[in-house]
Amino acid sequence: MDKTEDIEALGNKYNRIIGTGFIVIAVLIICINMVCRFVGSRRSMDYEYVDGVVTRWEEKKSYPHGVTRPHYDYMIWIEYEPDGARHTYTLIDYSHAYEYIRKGDVLRVYYEEDDPDEAYPARKDWLTGKYLPAENDYNIPLIISVPLIAIGIYFFIDDEKQKRKTGSAVRGQG
C-alpha cells in the first residue's frame, strides 16, 4: 500500500461514523421539533376558541439602515365573537408567519374565558393536525434536517463505493 491508499483508507474508515452522526443530529432535531409541536398545542387546553375573520390586512414596506432589499411587516386585524360581543385582535407580524393570510381568511382564535381580549390566533398544523400558535414557524427545523440527512446518506454511499473499489482491487491483485 502506498501513502495515497493509506490516506484514502483512513478517510473512508470514518465515513459510516460521520454519516451516522449527521443522521442522528437530524433525527434529534426532528424529535425535538415534534415535542415542541405537541407542547405548543397543549397551550390551547387553557383557552376557549372561536373562529375569527381577518377584517383588515396591511403590508408595511421598509428599508432598514444600509439594506437595499425591502423588509416587510404585516398588520392584521382579526374579529371574533366569543361571548356575543365583537372583539378585535390586532397583530403585528415581524416574523412573516402570517405572510399569506389575507382579508376574509378564517383563523381559529383562542381566548381566555374570563378575559376574551387575551387571545391568540392559531393554525392547524399539517404534520400533527393540532392547532398551534400561528406566529411560531415549526417547519424551519424540518427544513434544516433535510440537508443533514442528505449529507449523512452521502457518507454512507461513499463508504459503499469505497468498499466496492477496494474489494475489486483486492480481487484483481489475487
Protein backbone atom coordinates (compact mmCIF):
# COMPACT_ATOMS: atom_id res chain seq x y z
CA MET A 1 0.00 0.00 0.00
CA ASP A 2 1.36 3.42 -0.86
CA LYS A 3 0.73 6.67 1.06
CA THR A 4 -2.23 7.70 -1.12
CA GLU A 5 -4.03 4.44 -0.40
CA ASP A 6 -3.25 4.83 3.34
CA ILE A 7 -4.77 8.32 3.40
CA GLU A 8 -7.81 7.15 1.40
CA ALA A 9 -8.34 4.18 3.69
CA LEU A 10 -8.08 6.37 6.79
CA GLY A 11 -10.57 8.94 5.40
CA ASN A 12 -13.04 6.28 4.29
CA LYS A 13 -12.78 4.40 7.56
CA TYR A 14 -14.83 7.12 9.24
CA ASN A 15 -17.48 7.62 6.54
CA ARG A 16 -20.09 5.48 8.31
CA ILE A 17 -19.40 7.21 11.64
CA ILE A 18 -19.68 10.68 10.12
CA GLY A 19 -22.79 9.72 8.14
CA THR A 20 -24.40 8.26 11.25
CA GLY A 21 -23.55 11.45 13.15
CA PHE A 22 -25.33 13.64 10.60
CA ILE A 23 -28.39 11.40 10.54
CA VAL A 24 -28.55 11.20 14.37
CA ILE A 25 -28.39 15.00 14.62
CA ALA A 26 -31.18 15.33 12.02
CA VAL A 27 -33.36 12.78 13.85
CA LEU A 28 -32.80 14.62 17.15
CA ILE A 29 -33.85 17.90 15.52
CA ILE A 30 -36.99 16.24 14.15
CA CYS A 31 -37.83 14.66 17.53
CA ILE A 32 -37.36 17.94 19.40
CA ASN A 33 -39.49 19.65 16.75
CA MET A 34 -42.31 17.13 17.27
CA VAL A 35 -42.15 17.61 21.05
CA CYS A 36 -42.35 21.40 20.54
CA ARG A 37 -45.40 20.96 18.30
CA PHE A 38 -47.23 18.92 20.93
CA VAL A 39 -46.20 21.28 23.75
CA GLY A 40 -47.35 24.24 21.64
CA SER A 41 -50.71 22.60 21.08
CA ARG A 42 -51.16 22.00 24.83
CA ARG A 43 -51.28 25.76 25.37
CA SER A 44 -54.75 25.75 23.84
CA MET A 45 -56.11 23.50 26.59
CA ASP A 46 -56.32 26.51 28.93
CA TYR A 47 -58.30 28.55 26.40
CA GLU A 48 -61.69 28.52 24.71
CA TYR A 49 -61.78 29.03 20.96
CA VAL A 50 -63.90 30.52 18.22
CA ASP A 51 -63.35 31.18 14.53
CA GLY A 52 -62.23 34.69 13.70
CA VAL A 53 -62.21 36.50 10.38
CA VAL A 54 -59.38 38.67 9.08
CA THR A 55 -61.12 42.01 8.53
CA ARG A 56 -58.10 44.08 7.63
CA TRP A 57 -54.60 43.34 6.37
CA GLU A 58 -51.80 45.81 5.70
CA GLU A 59 -48.30 45.34 4.43
CA LYS A 60 -45.63 47.79 5.54
CA LYS A 61 -42.50 48.01 3.41
CA SER A 62 -39.34 49.46 4.94
CA TYR A 63 -35.66 49.66 4.14
CA PRO A 64 -33.58 49.01 7.25
CA HIS A 65 -30.44 51.12 7.53
CA GLY A 66 -27.86 50.08 4.95
CA VAL A 67 -30.02 47.41 3.34
CA THR A 68 -31.13 47.62 -0.29
CA ARG A 69 -33.73 44.82 -0.10
CA PRO A 70 -37.04 45.85 1.42
CA HIS A 71 -38.28 44.36 4.67
CA TYR A 72 -41.99 43.63 5.03
CA ASP A 73 -44.06 43.71 8.21
CA TYR A 74 -47.74 42.82 8.31
CA MET A 75 -50.55 44.22 10.42
CA ILE A 76 -53.58 42.01 10.68
CA TRP A 77 -56.92 42.62 12.37
CA ILE A 78 -58.95 39.56 13.30
CA GLU A 79 -62.53 39.91 14.54
CA TYR A 80 -64.05 37.21 16.72
CA GLU A 81 -67.19 36.95 18.87
CA PRO A 82 -66.60 34.67 21.86
CA ASP A 83 -69.35 35.94 24.15
CA GLY A 84 -71.75 37.58 21.72
CA ALA A 85 -69.71 40.78 21.75
CA ARG A 86 -67.32 41.57 18.94
CA HIS A 87 -63.62 41.64 19.80
CA THR A 88 -60.71 42.58 17.58
CA TYR A 89 -57.28 41.05 17.84
CA THR A 90 -54.58 43.22 16.26
CA LEU A 91 -51.42 41.50 15.25
CA ILE A 92 -48.15 42.97 14.06
CA ASP A 93 -46.23 40.22 12.28
CA TYR A 94 -42.47 40.71 12.05
CA SER A 95 -41.71 37.02 11.53
CA HIS A 96 -43.66 36.51 8.27
CA ALA A 97 -45.74 33.73 9.85
CA TYR A 98 -48.87 35.46 8.52
CA GLU A 99 -47.43 36.49 5.16
CA TYR A 100 -50.01 34.51 3.17
CA ILE A 101 -53.06 35.40 5.24
CA ARG A 102 -55.42 37.87 3.58
CA LYS A 103 -58.63 39.71 4.30
CA GLY A 104 -61.55 37.30 4.63
CA ASP A 105 -59.45 34.33 5.79
CA VAL A 106 -60.77 32.42 8.80
CA LEU A 107 -58.43 31.69 11.69
CA ARG A 108 -59.10 29.90 14.95
CA VAL A 109 -58.75 32.32 17.85
CA TYR A 110 -58.04 31.00 21.33
CA TYR A 111 -59.06 33.28 24.19
CA GLU A 112 -59.31 33.27 27.97
CA GLU A 113 -62.87 32.67 29.12
CA ASP A 114 -62.65 35.39 31.80
CA ASP A 115 -60.89 37.87 29.52
CA PRO A 116 -61.78 37.40 25.81
CA ASP A 117 -59.33 40.17 24.86
CA GLU A 118 -56.48 37.90 25.99
CA ALA A 119 -56.24 35.84 22.82
CA TYR A 120 -54.00 34.42 20.15
CA PRO A 121 -54.67 33.14 16.62
CA ALA A 122 -53.80 29.56 15.68
CA ARG A 123 -53.46 27.50 12.53
CA LYS A 124 -53.89 23.78 12.01
CA ASP A 125 -50.53 22.05 11.86
CA TRP A 126 -50.10 19.96 8.71
CA LEU A 127 -47.98 17.36 10.49
CA THR A 128 -49.87 16.73 13.74
CA GLY A 129 -53.36 18.02 12.89
CA LYS A 130 -53.32 20.10 16.07
CA TYR A 131 -53.83 23.85 16.35
CA LEU A 132 -50.63 25.74 17.08
CA PRO A 133 -49.90 29.43 17.71
CA ALA A 134 -49.59 30.75 14.19
CA GLU A 135 -46.62 33.00 14.90
CA ASN A 136 -44.35 30.01 15.52
CA ASP A 137 -42.79 28.56 12.40
CA TYR A 138 -42.35 24.91 13.26
CA ASN A 139 -41.22 23.99 9.75
CA ILE A 140 -37.76 25.59 9.88
CA PRO A 141 -36.17 22.73 11.88
CA LEU A 142 -37.61 20.23 9.40
CA ILE A 143 -36.10 22.18 6.52
CA ILE A 144 -32.73 22.18 8.32
CA SER A 145 -32.95 18.41 8.83
CA VAL A 146 -33.26 17.61 5.12
CA PRO A 147 -29.70 18.61 4.12
CA LEU A 148 -28.30 16.91 7.24
CA ILE A 149 -29.96 13.65 6.22
CA ALA A 150 -28.72 14.10 2.64
CA ILE A 151 -25.14 14.63 3.87
CA GLY A 152 -25.42 11.53 6.07
CA ILE A 153 -26.67 9.45 3.16
CA TYR A 154 -23.83 10.78 1.00
CA PHE A 155 -21.27 9.46 3.52
CA PHE A 156 -22.94 6.03 3.52
CA ILE A 157 -22.96 5.90 -0.30
CA ASP A 158 -19.33 7.00 -0.41
CA ASP A 159 -18.43 4.27 2.08
CA GLU A 160 -20.16 1.62 -0.05
CA LYS A 161 -18.37 2.86 -3.18
CA GLN A 162 -15.02 2.64 -1.41
CA LYS A 163 -15.78 -0.88 -0.18
CA ARG A 164 -16.59 -1.99 -3.72
CA LYS A 165 -13.49 -0.25 -5.08
CA THR A 166 -11.15 -1.81 -2.53
CA GLY A 167 -12.89 -5.19 -2.86
CA SER A 168 -12.37 -5.24 -6.63
CA ALA A 169 -8.75 -4.07 -6.20
CA VAL A 170 -8.08 -6.92 -3.75
CA ARG A 171 -9.68 -9.46 -6.15
CA GLY A 172 -7.63 -8.04 -9.03
CA GLN A 173 -4.35 -8.48 -7.11
CA GLY A 174 -5.06 -12.13 -6.19
